[in-house]
Amino acid sequence: MDSRKLFAIALIGIGFTASVHAEVISQAYELTMDQFTAPTTANSGIAFKECEDCEVLRMRVSAATSYTVNGKQVRLEDFRLAVAGLQGNEQASVTVLRHLESNTVQSISVSN
């Protein structure tokens, strides 16, 4: 058997094995600023709607939650100031990453 064919078969086998063991551990939400309410403290929560007609989702944040504004990691206080300054900005977006098992927020990113 040609070594290239053997190599290709091996890669397919590795890919299949890896895909069998894949497990989803986080879920991301892409939001606009008007869909999102920022946390008030490090151990409070956030609220958002995935769509205009959707139910409000609430999730806990913790001291381990990271906050990012335009690619730069910031403290919660600075994050809240940035969010307040971006209210009404239709170009701004929020990405929330939720850990599924613990149902807690791992990170929140805002960009404009």
Protein backbone atom coordinates (compact mmCIF):
# COMPACT_ATOMS: atom_id res chain seq x y z
CA MET A 1 0.00 0.00 0.00
CA ASP A 2 1.23 3.47 -0.87
CA SER A 3 2.53 5.34 2.20
CA ARG A 4 0.41 8.40 1.33
CA LYS A 5 -2.76 6.30 1.35
CA LEU A 6 -1.77 4.75 4.65
CA PHE A 7 -1.11 8.20 6.10
CA ALA A 8 -4.50 9.47 4.85
CA ILE A 9 -6.31 6.48 6.37
CA ALA A 10 -4.52 7.08 9.67
CA LEU A 11 -5.56 10.75 9.67
CA ILE A 12 -9.18 9.83 8.98
CA GLY A 13 -9.10 7.34 11.83
CA ILE A 14 -7.64 9.91 14.22
CA GLY A 15 -10.22 12.50 13.16
CA PHE A 16 -13.08 10.04 13.64
CA THR A 17 -11.83 9.04 17.08
CA ALA A 18 -11.48 12.68 18.14
CA SER A 19 -14.97 13.55 16.93
CA VAL A 20 -16.51 10.63 18.81
CA HIS A 21 -15.15 11.99 22.11
CA ALA A 22 -16.05 15.65 21.51
CA GLU A 23 -18.21 17.16 24.21
CA VAL A 24 -19.79 20.60 24.23
CA ILE A 25 -18.93 22.36 27.48
CA SER A 26 -19.72 26.01 26.67
CA GLN A 27 -22.31 27.97 24.76
CA ALA A 28 -21.80 31.43 23.28
CA TYR A 29 -24.43 34.10 22.78
CA GLU A 30 -24.01 37.02 20.37
CA LEU A 31 -26.06 40.01 21.48
CA THR A 32 -26.65 43.67 20.80
CA MET A 33 -26.26 46.21 23.60
CA ASP A 34 -30.01 46.67 23.96
CA GLN A 35 -30.43 42.93 24.63
CA PHE A 36 -27.95 42.88 27.53
CA THR A 37 -27.87 43.95 31.17
CA ALA A 38 -24.41 44.00 32.76
CA PRO A 39 -23.67 42.49 36.19
CA THR A 40 -23.67 44.86 39.16
CA THR A 41 -21.16 42.95 41.31
CA ALA A 42 -18.66 40.13 40.85
CA ASN A 43 -21.13 37.63 42.34
CA SER A 44 -24.36 38.82 40.79
CA GLY A 45 -25.73 37.98 37.38
CA ILE A 46 -26.54 39.12 33.90
CA ALA A 47 -29.79 39.18 31.98
CA PHE A 48 -30.37 39.15 28.25
CA LYS A 49 -32.81 38.22 25.53
CA GLU A 50 -31.62 36.22 22.52
CA CYS A 51 -34.33 37.84 20.39
CA GLU A 52 -37.01 40.49 20.78
CA ASP A 53 -39.75 37.93 21.47
CA CYS A 54 -37.59 35.55 23.55
CA GLU A 55 -37.76 35.03 27.30
CA VAL A 56 -35.18 36.85 29.43
CA LEU A 57 -32.27 34.55 30.34
CA ARG A 58 -30.47 35.08 33.64
CA MET A 59 -27.04 33.68 34.45
CA ARG A 60 -24.64 33.97 37.37
CA VAL A 61 -21.26 35.63 37.11
CA SER A 62 -18.50 34.96 39.62
CA ALA A 63 -15.09 36.23 40.60
CA ALA A 64 -13.73 33.91 37.87
CA THR A 65 -15.72 35.61 35.08
CA SER A 66 -13.49 37.58 32.72
CA TYR A 67 -14.52 40.87 31.11
CA THR A 68 -13.14 42.17 27.81
CA VAL A 69 -13.66 45.50 26.05
CA ASN A 70 -12.41 45.77 22.45
CA GLY A 71 -9.98 42.89 22.98
CA LYS A 72 -8.54 44.17 26.27
CA GLN A 73 -9.27 42.38 29.54
CA VAL A 74 -10.62 44.81 32.15
CA ARG A 75 -11.98 44.85 35.70
CA LEU A 76 -15.74 44.64 36.23
CA GLU A 77 -15.97 48.32 37.18
CA ASP A 78 -14.30 49.37 33.90
CA PHE A 79 -16.47 46.92 31.99
CA ARG A 80 -19.62 48.46 33.46
CA LEU A 81 -18.43 51.95 32.48
CA ALA A 82 -17.75 50.78 28.93
CA VAL A 83 -21.17 49.12 28.66
CA ALA A 84 -22.88 52.29 29.93
CA GLY A 85 -20.98 54.35 27.36
CA LEU A 86 -21.99 52.02 24.52
CA GLN A 87 -25.74 51.99 25.24
CA GLY A 88 -27.59 52.98 22.09
CA ASN A 89 -24.59 52.16 19.90
CA GLU A 90 -26.00 49.90 17.18
CA GLN A 91 -22.49 48.84 16.10
CA ALA A 92 -21.55 47.50 19.54
CA SER A 93 -21.93 43.81 20.27
CA VAL A 94 -21.75 41.58 23.33
CA THR A 95 -20.52 37.99 23.44
CA VAL A 96 -21.40 35.91 26.49
CA LEU A 97 -19.71 32.54 27.05
CA ARG A 98 -21.62 30.26 29.43
CA HIS A 99 -20.27 27.08 31.00
CA LEU A 100 -23.10 24.58 30.52
CA GLU A 101 -22.55 22.26 33.46
CA SER A 102 -22.28 24.98 36.11
CA ASN A 103 -24.60 27.40 34.27
CA THR A 104 -22.22 30.25 35.05
CA VAL A 105 -20.74 32.93 32.81
CA GLN A 106 -17.11 32.31 31.91
CA SER A 107 -16.55 35.54 30.00
CA ILE A 108 -18.28 38.59 28.58
CA SER A 109 -16.80 40.57 25.71
CA VAL A 110 -17.94 43.89 24.32
CA SER A 111 -16.73 45.36 21.06
CA ASN A 112 -17.67 48.26 18.84
